[in-house]
Amino acid sequence: MADLTPEGPREEGTPVTRRELRRREAERSPDAPEPLVEEDLREYPDAAPDGRYQPAGDSDVSQEPLIVRPAGRKGYQTVTVNRYRSPDAQAKRDARRKRRRRRNIVLISAFGAFVVLVAGLSFALRGILPTPAAEDYPGPGGQDVTFTVNAGEGAIAIGNRLADEDIVASSGAFIEAVNQSRSENSIQAGDYPLKLQMKASDAASILLRDGQGQVHYVAVNRGMRLNEAIQAVSDSTGISVGDLEAAAADPEDFGLPAEAPSLEGYLAPGEYRFPVDAEPAEIFALMIEPTMAELEEQGITDEQEQFRTVTIASILEAEALPGDYPIVAGIIENRLRPENDETGGYLQIDATVIYGLGQRQLQFSEEDKQDASNEYNTYAHRGLPPGPIGAPSTEALDAAAHPEDNPYYYWVTTNIETGETKFAEDYEQHRVYQQEYRDYCAENQEICG
């Protein structure tokens, strides 16, 4: 049907034909922006009603389209990039970012102040409120026990072990007792007489040696020679080696037999604590006392028998492992019998030769073996050497006092690392075991020396 609507002005409310709508669309420039609506004018106050940006005081800026709002007649939204947006827009965005940063800084600062406040209150309350006491036994304790402090152990490690062994109720109580002690001493390695379930402060008092004052600590190891022990005493006490040697020159001053050439063998292995003002003679007397007490415990009171026992015990300490002490002691007794057909009274023990050479190694030359000028050479001299060759332990003294009866005349350790030792009744079998030892040393020269 043809559109016969006449051209010309129409009254408001009069229907518009499709032809009129097409004509109006054609009259509009394709680049002309749509008039701004009220919402656009609120957001862009500098924009003209026709959609172009009009900065105040600047008439040279070219007029370009702004953001175009929805066209109500077409039912869709059109967006055009506005290159002439107000310069204040970027400044507004920057201002918003600054406000956010300030807000974040304020929040973080407030949180930090809160944490500090909580920590301060915690410390304040800790100082005001009583601290729960560590668990402790009331004392005085029950069964007697011996507690060993190992070299290098601190109060915490000692407290933990005391608690584990039920000597004190808790490590915390022991640490607190140590901290509150007025003793100037430190806990030193050694054996201490304690009790099960004793009060922590009592245990600390014993370990700290309260009332005993400062002491010098000296350790004598199994098999340590006299010159080594004297050096250890000198290092601890500050007494010169010369003064100590002079004090030890006469064994009879300490009740030893006249045939004893020195204090060698009589200084008992163990850990000692001497008063700082102790004299050399007093120190040696304290170190000899445990050996003499052990000999008496074994019923050996005769001086010559004591000397013999100490000498054999020192050889056991140097030549055998603790588990082999009794059997090797029996072999030594077999060899000392002049009527034996195997050794004819010769001990033939390497440790004595090495002692006489003043060395600390496992091997020596054939020439050294034949050297009769070495009075400790038991290959060249029958019977026992002139005296002990080191400090024997209690186990060695016991074995020397009670040797095991056996048919052997020879022994050799074929593996120094494992301590494997083989025994033989005759020299032929012994030579087989000796070769095993030589083969071992050929492969382990760093061990055999």
Protein backbone atom coordinates (compact mmCIF):
# COMPACT_ATOMS: atom_id res chain seq x y z
CA MET A 1 0.00 0.00 0.00
CA ALA A 2 1.45 3.37 -1.00
CA ASP A 3 2.38 5.93 1.62
CA LEU A 4 0.19 8.97 0.73
CA THR A 5 0.99 10.99 3.79
CA PRO A 6 1.55 14.58 2.60
CA GLU A 7 4.85 16.23 3.41
CA GLY A 8 4.86 19.11 5.80
CA PRO A 9 4.52 19.75 9.47
CA ARG A 10 2.39 17.44 11.46
CA GLU A 11 0.65 17.94 14.68
CA GLU A 12 2.13 16.33 17.82
CA GLY A 13 0.72 12.88 18.32
CA THR A 14 0.01 12.39 14.63
CA PRO A 15 1.21 8.94 13.41
CA VAL A 16 4.40 8.92 11.33
CA THR A 17 4.55 6.74 8.23
CA ARG A 18 7.48 4.55 7.33
CA ARG A 19 8.37 6.87 4.43
CA GLU A 20 8.62 9.79 6.83
CA LEU A 21 10.90 7.82 9.08
CA ARG A 22 13.17 6.92 6.15
CA ARG A 23 13.29 10.53 5.05
CA ARG A 24 14.26 11.73 8.47
CA GLU A 25 17.00 9.11 8.68
CA ALA A 26 18.35 10.14 5.31
CA GLU A 27 18.48 13.79 6.33
CA ARG A 28 20.65 13.04 9.28
CA SER A 29 24.45 13.02 8.69
CA PRO A 30 25.91 9.53 9.18
CA ASP A 31 28.64 11.06 11.39
CA ALA A 32 26.37 13.26 13.42
CA PRO A 33 26.27 12.29 17.07
CA GLU A 34 23.04 11.67 18.79
CA PRO A 35 21.94 14.42 21.12
CA LEU A 36 23.01 13.85 24.66
CA VAL A 37 20.45 12.71 27.13
CA GLU A 38 20.17 14.04 30.66
CA GLU A 39 22.44 11.23 32.05
CA ASP A 40 25.24 12.22 29.63
CA LEU A 41 25.01 15.84 30.63
CA ARG A 42 25.35 14.93 34.32
CA GLU A 43 28.57 12.89 33.66
CA TYR A 44 30.09 15.26 31.10
CA PRO A 45 29.03 18.79 32.07
CA ASP A 46 31.40 20.35 29.51
CA ALA A 47 29.76 18.57 26.59
CA ALA A 48 27.42 20.43 24.26
CA PRO A 49 23.91 19.12 23.75
CA ASP A 50 24.91 17.85 20.33
CA GLY A 51 27.42 15.44 21.87
CA ARG A 52 30.67 17.38 21.32
CA TYR A 53 33.17 18.30 24.06
CA GLN A 54 33.46 22.04 24.63
CA PRO A 55 36.34 22.77 27.04
CA ALA A 56 36.03 26.13 28.72
CA GLY A 57 38.24 28.83 27.22
CA ASP A 58 39.56 26.64 24.35
CA SER A 59 37.78 27.08 21.02
CA ASP A 60 40.52 25.46 18.91
CA VAL A 61 39.90 21.92 20.09
CA SER A 62 38.34 19.91 17.26
CA GLN A 63 34.88 18.61 17.86
CA GLU A 64 34.83 14.81 17.98
CA PRO A 65 32.13 12.41 19.08
CA LEU A 66 31.73 11.69 22.73
CA ILE A 67 30.32 8.50 24.20
CA VAL A 68 26.97 7.93 22.52
CA ARG A 69 24.17 6.74 24.76
CA PRO A 70 21.49 4.23 23.80
CA ALA A 71 19.29 5.24 20.86
CA GLY A 72 15.83 4.61 22.13
CA ARG A 73 14.29 4.14 18.70
CA LYS A 74 16.75 1.42 17.61
CA GLY A 75 16.82 -0.55 20.84
CA TYR A 76 20.63 -1.06 21.05
CA GLN A 77 23.57 0.69 22.67
CA THR A 78 26.41 2.35 20.79
CA VAL A 79 29.75 3.26 22.47
CA THR A 80 32.30 5.58 20.89
CA VAL A 81 35.70 6.23 22.48
CA ASN A 82 35.80 9.75 23.81
CA ARG A 83 39.29 11.16 23.10
CA TYR A 84 38.31 14.52 24.53
CA ARG A 85 37.25 13.45 27.92
CA SER A 86 37.80 16.07 30.61
CA PRO A 87 41.44 16.25 31.83
CA ASP A 88 40.08 16.08 35.33
CA ALA A 89 39.06 12.43 34.79
CA GLN A 90 42.64 11.05 35.05
CA ALA A 91 43.27 13.25 38.06
CA LYS A 92 40.15 11.85 39.68
CA ARG A 93 41.36 8.29 39.05
CA ASP A 94 44.77 9.10 40.54
CA ALA A 95 43.11 10.66 43.54
CA ARG A 96 41.02 7.53 44.06
CA ARG A 97 44.16 5.35 43.91
CA LYS A 98 45.91 7.57 46.46
CA ARG A 99 42.92 7.36 48.76
CA ARG A 100 42.96 3.55 48.48
CA ARG A 101 46.70 3.44 49.26
CA ARG A 102 46.26 5.70 52.25
CA ARG A 103 43.40 3.55 53.44
CA ASN A 104 45.52 0.36 53.11
CA ILE A 105 48.44 1.95 54.95
CA VAL A 106 46.15 3.02 57.75
CA LEU A 107 44.68 -0.50 58.00
CA ILE A 108 48.12 -2.16 58.05
CA SER A 109 49.42 0.28 60.64
CA ALA A 110 46.39 -0.30 62.80
CA PHE A 111 46.85 -4.08 62.56
CA GLY A 112 50.56 -3.80 63.49
CA ALA A 113 49.71 -1.61 66.47
CA PHE A 114 47.14 -4.22 67.52
CA VAL A 115 49.74 -7.02 67.36
CA VAL A 116 52.22 -5.00 69.41
CA LEU A 117 49.51 -4.23 71.95
CA VAL A 118 48.57 -7.91 72.28
CA ALA A 119 52.23 -8.91 72.71
CA GLY A 120 52.74 -6.22 75.34
CA LEU A 121 49.69 -7.36 77.24
CA SER A 122 50.94 -10.96 77.06
CA PHE A 123 54.31 -10.06 78.59
CA ALA A 124 52.64 -7.89 81.19
CA LEU A 125 50.26 -10.66 82.22
CA ARG A 126 53.15 -13.13 82.29
CA GLY A 127 54.92 -10.88 84.77
CA ILE A 128 51.81 -10.41 86.89
CA LEU A 129 50.37 -13.91 86.84
CA PRO A 130 52.35 -16.73 88.54
CA THR A 131 54.24 -19.09 86.15
CA PRO A 132 53.23 -22.74 86.58
CA ALA A 133 56.07 -24.56 88.39
CA ALA A 134 57.72 -27.46 86.60
CA GLU A 135 56.84 -30.89 87.93
CA ASP A 136 59.18 -31.92 90.75
CA TYR A 137 59.56 -34.70 93.31
CA PRO A 138 59.40 -33.70 96.98
CA GLY A 139 62.50 -35.76 97.78
CA PRO A 140 64.66 -37.03 99.32
CA GLY A 141 64.49 -39.89 96.81
CA GLY A 142 64.61 -43.66 96.88
CA GLN A 143 67.01 -46.21 95.44
CA ASP A 144 70.66 -45.19 95.03
CA VAL A 145 71.83 -44.97 91.41
CA THR A 146 74.98 -43.88 89.60
CA PHE A 147 74.43 -41.25 86.95
CA THR A 148 77.11 -40.65 84.29
CA VAL A 149 77.59 -37.22 82.75
CA ASN A 150 79.18 -37.57 79.33
CA ALA A 151 81.85 -35.24 78.05
CA GLY A 152 80.37 -32.23 76.26
CA GLU A 153 76.83 -32.61 77.65
CA GLY A 154 74.99 -29.43 78.63
CA ALA A 155 72.39 -28.86 81.32
CA ILE A 156 69.45 -29.44 78.93
CA ALA A 157 70.73 -32.82 77.72
CA ILE A 158 71.57 -33.83 81.29
CA GLY A 159 68.13 -32.76 82.50
CA ASN A 160 66.41 -34.77 79.77
CA ARG A 161 68.34 -37.91 80.71
CA LEU A 162 67.71 -37.39 84.41
CA ALA A 163 63.98 -37.21 83.68
CA ASP A 164 64.13 -40.26 81.38
CA GLU A 165 65.82 -42.29 84.12
CA ASP A 166 63.24 -41.07 86.70
CA ILE A 167 65.91 -39.41 88.83
CA VAL A 168 64.05 -36.09 88.61
CA ALA A 169 60.42 -35.52 87.75
CA SER A 170 61.06 -33.17 84.81
CA SER A 171 63.86 -31.60 82.87
CA GLY A 172 62.30 -28.17 83.47
CA ALA A 173 62.61 -28.50 87.24
CA PHE A 174 66.28 -29.47 86.91
CA ILE A 175 67.09 -26.58 84.53
CA GLU A 176 65.37 -24.15 86.90
CA ALA A 177 67.39 -25.52 89.84
CA VAL A 178 70.65 -25.15 87.90
CA ASN A 179 69.78 -21.56 86.94
CA GLN A 180 68.94 -20.66 90.52
CA SER A 181 72.05 -22.28 91.96
CA ARG A 182 74.73 -19.96 93.31
CA SER A 183 77.49 -22.48 92.65
CA GLU A 184 80.44 -21.20 90.64
CA ASN A 185 81.13 -24.70 89.35
CA SER A 186 79.95 -26.16 86.08
CA ILE A 187 78.69 -29.71 85.59
CA GLN A 188 81.63 -31.83 84.51
CA ALA A 189 81.84 -35.30 82.99
CA GLY A 190 81.98 -38.21 85.42
CA ASP A 191 79.93 -40.55 87.60
CA TYR A 192 77.70 -39.11 90.33
CA PRO A 193 75.79 -40.83 93.17
CA LEU A 194 72.12 -39.87 92.87
CA LYS A 195 68.75 -41.34 93.84
CA LEU A 196 65.60 -42.23 91.98
CA GLN A 197 62.78 -39.67 92.30
CA MET A 198 64.87 -37.07 94.09
CA LYS A 199 64.22 -33.35 94.29
CA ALA A 200 65.63 -31.52 91.28
CA SER A 201 67.52 -28.99 93.39
CA ASP A 202 69.24 -31.82 95.29
CA ALA A 203 70.34 -33.42 92.02
CA ALA A 204 71.63 -30.09 90.72
CA SER A 205 73.54 -29.51 93.98
CA ILE A 206 75.35 -32.83 93.64
CA LEU A 207 76.17 -32.39 89.96
CA LEU A 208 77.37 -28.83 90.53
CA ARG A 209 79.39 -29.94 93.58
CA ASP A 210 77.97 -27.18 95.76
CA GLY A 211 80.29 -26.23 98.59
CA GLN A 212 83.29 -27.88 96.97
CA GLY A 213 84.56 -24.79 95.19
CA GLN A 214 86.44 -24.80 91.91
CA VAL A 215 88.25 -27.99 90.93
CA HIS A 216 90.67 -29.23 88.29
CA TYR A 217 89.38 -32.03 86.06
CA VAL A 218 91.70 -34.81 84.83
CA ALA A 219 90.79 -37.95 82.86
CA VAL A 220 93.03 -41.02 82.78
CA ASN A 221 92.15 -43.51 80.04
CA ARG A 222 92.65 -47.27 80.01
CA GLY A 223 96.22 -48.14 79.08
CA MET A 224 97.43 -44.54 79.47
CA ARG A 225 101.12 -44.44 80.27
CA LEU A 226 102.57 -42.56 83.21
CA ASN A 227 104.14 -39.80 81.10
CA GLU A 228 100.81 -39.24 79.34
CA ALA A 229 98.95 -39.07 82.66
CA ILE A 230 101.46 -36.58 84.08
CA GLN A 231 101.02 -34.40 81.01
CA ALA A 232 97.21 -34.52 81.44
CA VAL A 233 97.53 -33.46 85.09
CA SER A 234 99.87 -30.64 84.12
CA ASP A 235 97.50 -29.40 81.42
CA SER A 236 94.61 -29.28 83.87
CA THR A 237 96.28 -27.95 87.00
CA GLY A 238 99.01 -25.79 85.54
CA ILE A 239 101.62 -27.61 87.63
CA SER A 240 104.77 -28.10 85.59
CA VAL A 241 105.66 -31.55 84.30
CA GLY A 242 109.01 -31.26 86.10
CA ASP A 243 107.37 -30.68 89.48
CA LEU A 244 104.99 -33.58 88.93
CA GLU A 245 107.80 -35.94 87.89
CA ALA A 246 109.78 -34.93 90.95
CA ALA A 247 106.79 -35.68 93.21
CA ALA A 248 106.33 -39.10 91.59
CA ALA A 249 110.03 -40.06 91.65
CA ASP A 250 109.86 -42.37 94.69
CA PRO A 251 107.03 -44.96 94.50
CA GLU A 252 107.62 -45.98 98.13
CA ASP A 253 106.36 -42.56 99.21
CA PHE A 254 102.94 -43.78 98.10
CA GLY A 255 103.15 -47.22 99.70
CA LEU A 256 104.20 -49.09 96.56
CA PRO A 257 106.66 -52.02 96.62
CA ALA A 258 110.36 -51.25 96.45
CA GLU A 259 110.75 -53.08 93.12
CA ALA A 260 108.24 -50.77 91.40
CA PRO A 261 110.37 -48.58 89.12
CA SER A 262 107.73 -45.82 89.02
CA LEU A 263 104.06 -45.08 89.53
CA GLU A 264 103.40 -46.71 86.14
CA GLY A 265 100.35 -48.96 86.30
CA TYR A 266 99.13 -47.67 89.65
CA LEU A 267 97.31 -44.55 88.45
CA ALA A 268 93.79 -45.88 88.06
CA PRO A 269 91.82 -45.01 84.89
CA GLY A 270 88.96 -42.65 85.60
CA GLU A 271 87.94 -39.03 85.97
CA TYR A 272 89.31 -36.92 88.77
CA ARG A 273 88.47 -33.54 90.26
CA PHE A 274 91.19 -31.99 92.33
CA PRO A 275 90.93 -28.86 94.48
CA VAL A 276 92.67 -25.97 92.80
CA ASP A 277 95.21 -25.80 95.61
CA ALA A 278 96.01 -29.54 95.63
CA GLU A 279 99.72 -30.43 95.82
CA PRO A 280 101.28 -32.94 93.37
CA ALA A 281 101.73 -35.63 96.03
CA GLU A 282 98.08 -35.25 97.04
CA ILE A 283 96.99 -35.61 93.42
CA PHE A 284 98.97 -38.82 92.88
CA ALA A 285 97.73 -40.30 96.15
CA LEU A 286 94.14 -39.78 95.02
CA MET A 287 94.86 -41.44 91.67
CA ILE A 288 96.59 -44.47 93.22
CA GLU A 289 93.93 -45.13 95.85
CA PRO A 290 91.36 -46.83 93.51
CA THR A 291 93.97 -49.35 92.30
CA MET A 292 95.02 -50.31 95.79
CA ALA A 293 91.39 -50.58 96.87
CA GLU A 294 90.66 -52.98 94.00
CA LEU A 295 93.65 -55.18 94.84
CA GLU A 296 92.50 -55.42 98.44
CA GLU A 297 88.99 -56.21 97.19
CA GLN A 298 90.49 -59.17 95.33
CA GLY A 299 92.27 -60.31 98.48
CA ILE A 300 95.74 -59.36 97.20
CA THR A 301 97.53 -57.61 100.05
CA ASP A 302 101.13 -58.75 99.63
CA GLU A 303 103.14 -55.99 97.97
CA GLN A 304 105.07 -58.28 95.64
CA GLU A 305 101.89 -60.07 94.59
CA GLN A 306 100.24 -56.72 94.04
CA PHE A 307 103.11 -55.64 91.82
CA ARG A 308 102.91 -58.86 89.78
CA THR A 309 99.15 -58.55 89.38
CA VAL A 310 99.36 -54.92 88.25
CA THR A 311 102.10 -55.80 85.74
CA ILE A 312 100.09 -58.65 84.18
CA ALA A 313 96.93 -56.51 84.19
CA SER A 314 98.74 -53.76 82.29
CA ILE A 315 99.78 -56.30 79.63
CA LEU A 316 96.20 -57.52 79.33
CA GLU A 317 95.02 -53.92 78.88
CA ALA A 318 97.50 -53.38 76.04
CA GLU A 319 97.22 -56.76 74.31
CA ALA A 320 93.65 -58.03 74.61
CA LEU A 321 90.04 -57.02 74.49
CA PRO A 322 88.05 -56.97 77.75
CA GLY A 323 86.15 -60.12 76.81
CA ASP A 324 89.44 -61.97 76.31
CA TYR A 325 91.16 -60.77 79.50
CA PRO A 326 90.67 -64.00 81.52
CA ILE A 327 91.78 -66.37 78.73
CA VAL A 328 94.85 -64.25 77.87
CA ALA A 329 95.72 -64.05 81.57
CA GLY A 330 95.72 -67.87 81.59
CA ILE A 331 98.02 -67.93 78.53
CA ILE A 332 100.47 -65.56 80.26
CA GLU A 333 100.57 -67.89 83.26
CA ASN A 334 101.23 -70.85 80.92
CA ARG A 335 104.13 -69.02 79.27
CA LEU A 336 105.68 -67.97 82.57
CA ARG A 337 106.25 -71.61 83.54
CA PRO A 338 109.92 -72.28 82.74
CA GLU A 339 109.20 -75.94 82.04
CA ASN A 340 106.82 -75.27 79.15
CA ASP A 341 108.10 -76.55 75.80
CA GLU A 342 106.51 -73.87 73.70
CA THR A 343 108.07 -70.61 74.91
CA GLY A 344 110.53 -71.72 77.59
CA GLY A 345 109.44 -68.98 79.97
CA TYR A 346 109.51 -66.16 77.38
CA LEU A 347 106.34 -64.10 77.22
CA GLN A 348 107.10 -62.92 73.65
CA ILE A 349 104.57 -60.06 73.85
CA ASP A 350 104.76 -57.22 71.35
CA ALA A 351 103.20 -54.62 73.67
CA THR A 352 106.08 -54.84 76.10
CA VAL A 353 108.66 -54.37 73.33
CA ILE A 354 106.79 -51.33 72.02
CA TYR A 355 106.62 -49.84 75.52
CA GLY A 356 110.36 -50.24 75.91
CA LEU A 357 110.88 -48.51 72.57
CA GLY A 358 108.79 -45.58 73.78
CA GLN A 359 106.49 -45.89 70.78
CA ARG A 360 102.76 -46.12 70.13
CA GLN A 361 102.53 -48.43 67.10
CA LEU A 362 101.60 -52.05 66.41
CA GLN A 363 104.62 -53.18 64.43
CA PHE A 364 108.38 -53.09 64.94
CA SER A 365 111.42 -54.42 63.10
CA GLU A 366 113.15 -57.77 63.49
CA GLU A 367 116.16 -55.88 64.79
CA ASP A 368 114.01 -54.36 67.55
CA LYS A 369 112.76 -57.85 68.33
CA GLN A 370 116.31 -59.09 68.90
CA ASP A 371 117.46 -56.04 70.85
CA ALA A 372 118.35 -57.26 74.36
CA SER A 373 119.17 -53.71 75.48
CA ASN A 374 115.44 -53.12 75.68
CA GLU A 375 114.71 -54.54 79.15
CA TYR A 376 111.01 -54.65 78.27
CA ASN A 377 111.77 -56.93 75.29
CA THR A 378 110.04 -60.16 76.37
CA TYR A 379 111.44 -61.91 73.29
CA ALA A 380 114.96 -61.40 74.64
CA HIS A 381 114.25 -61.65 78.40
CA ARG A 382 112.39 -64.39 80.25
CA GLY A 383 109.58 -63.70 82.67
CA LEU A 384 107.66 -60.50 83.29
CA PRO A 385 109.03 -57.11 82.23
CA PRO A 386 110.53 -54.81 84.90
CA GLY A 387 107.13 -53.30 85.65
CA PRO A 388 103.70 -52.37 84.33
CA ILE A 389 103.37 -50.81 80.88
CA GLY A 390 100.25 -48.70 81.37
CA ALA A 391 97.18 -48.05 83.51
CA PRO A 392 95.08 -51.25 83.86
CA SER A 393 91.33 -51.12 84.31
CA THR A 394 89.39 -52.84 87.07
CA GLU A 395 88.42 -55.62 84.63
CA ALA A 396 92.07 -56.25 83.77
CA LEU A 397 93.04 -56.35 87.45
CA ASP A 398 90.26 -58.86 88.15
CA ALA A 399 91.36 -61.09 85.26
CA ALA A 400 95.01 -60.95 86.35
CA ALA A 401 93.94 -61.93 89.87
CA HIS A 402 91.80 -64.82 88.55
CA PRO A 403 93.29 -66.16 85.25
CA GLU A 404 91.37 -68.74 83.26
CA ASP A 405 92.91 -72.21 83.15
CA ASN A 406 93.38 -73.20 79.46
CA PRO A 407 95.80 -75.16 77.20
CA TYR A 408 96.79 -72.22 74.97
CA TYR A 409 100.18 -70.62 74.55
CA TYR A 410 99.51 -68.21 71.71
CA TRP A 411 96.97 -65.61 70.69
CA VAL A 412 96.82 -63.06 67.93
CA THR A 413 94.22 -60.51 66.91
CA THR A 414 93.63 -61.14 63.22
CA ASN A 415 91.27 -58.20 62.66
CA ILE A 416 91.92 -55.04 64.63
CA GLU A 417 88.65 -53.42 63.54
CA THR A 418 86.43 -56.25 64.77
CA GLY A 419 88.78 -57.43 67.53
CA GLU A 420 88.67 -61.00 66.31
CA THR A 421 91.32 -62.96 68.25
CA LYS A 422 92.45 -66.53 67.62
CA PHE A 423 94.15 -68.85 70.12
CA ALA A 424 96.55 -71.74 69.45
CA GLU A 425 98.12 -74.54 71.50
CA ASP A 426 101.24 -74.80 69.36
CA TYR A 427 103.42 -72.56 67.26
CA GLU A 428 102.51 -74.22 63.95
CA GLN A 429 98.86 -73.25 64.28
CA HIS A 430 99.90 -69.85 65.61
CA ARG A 431 101.91 -69.16 62.43
CA VAL A 432 98.76 -69.68 60.35
CA TYR A 433 96.95 -67.05 62.43
CA GLN A 434 99.96 -64.72 62.27
CA GLN A 435 99.81 -64.81 58.47
CA GLU A 436 96.15 -63.84 58.64
CA TYR A 437 97.20 -60.84 60.71
CA ARG A 438 99.96 -59.89 58.24
CA ASP A 439 97.55 -60.14 55.32
CA TYR A 440 95.11 -57.92 57.19
CA CYS A 441 97.78 -55.31 57.88
CA ALA A 442 98.95 -55.38 54.26
CA GLU A 443 95.44 -54.34 53.24
CA ASN A 444 94.96 -51.92 56.16
CA GLN A 445 98.30 -50.19 56.63
CA GLU A 446 96.65 -47.04 57.95
CA ILE A 447 95.29 -49.09 60.87
CA CYS A 448 98.30 -51.25 61.67
CA GLY A 449 100.78 -48.38 61.32
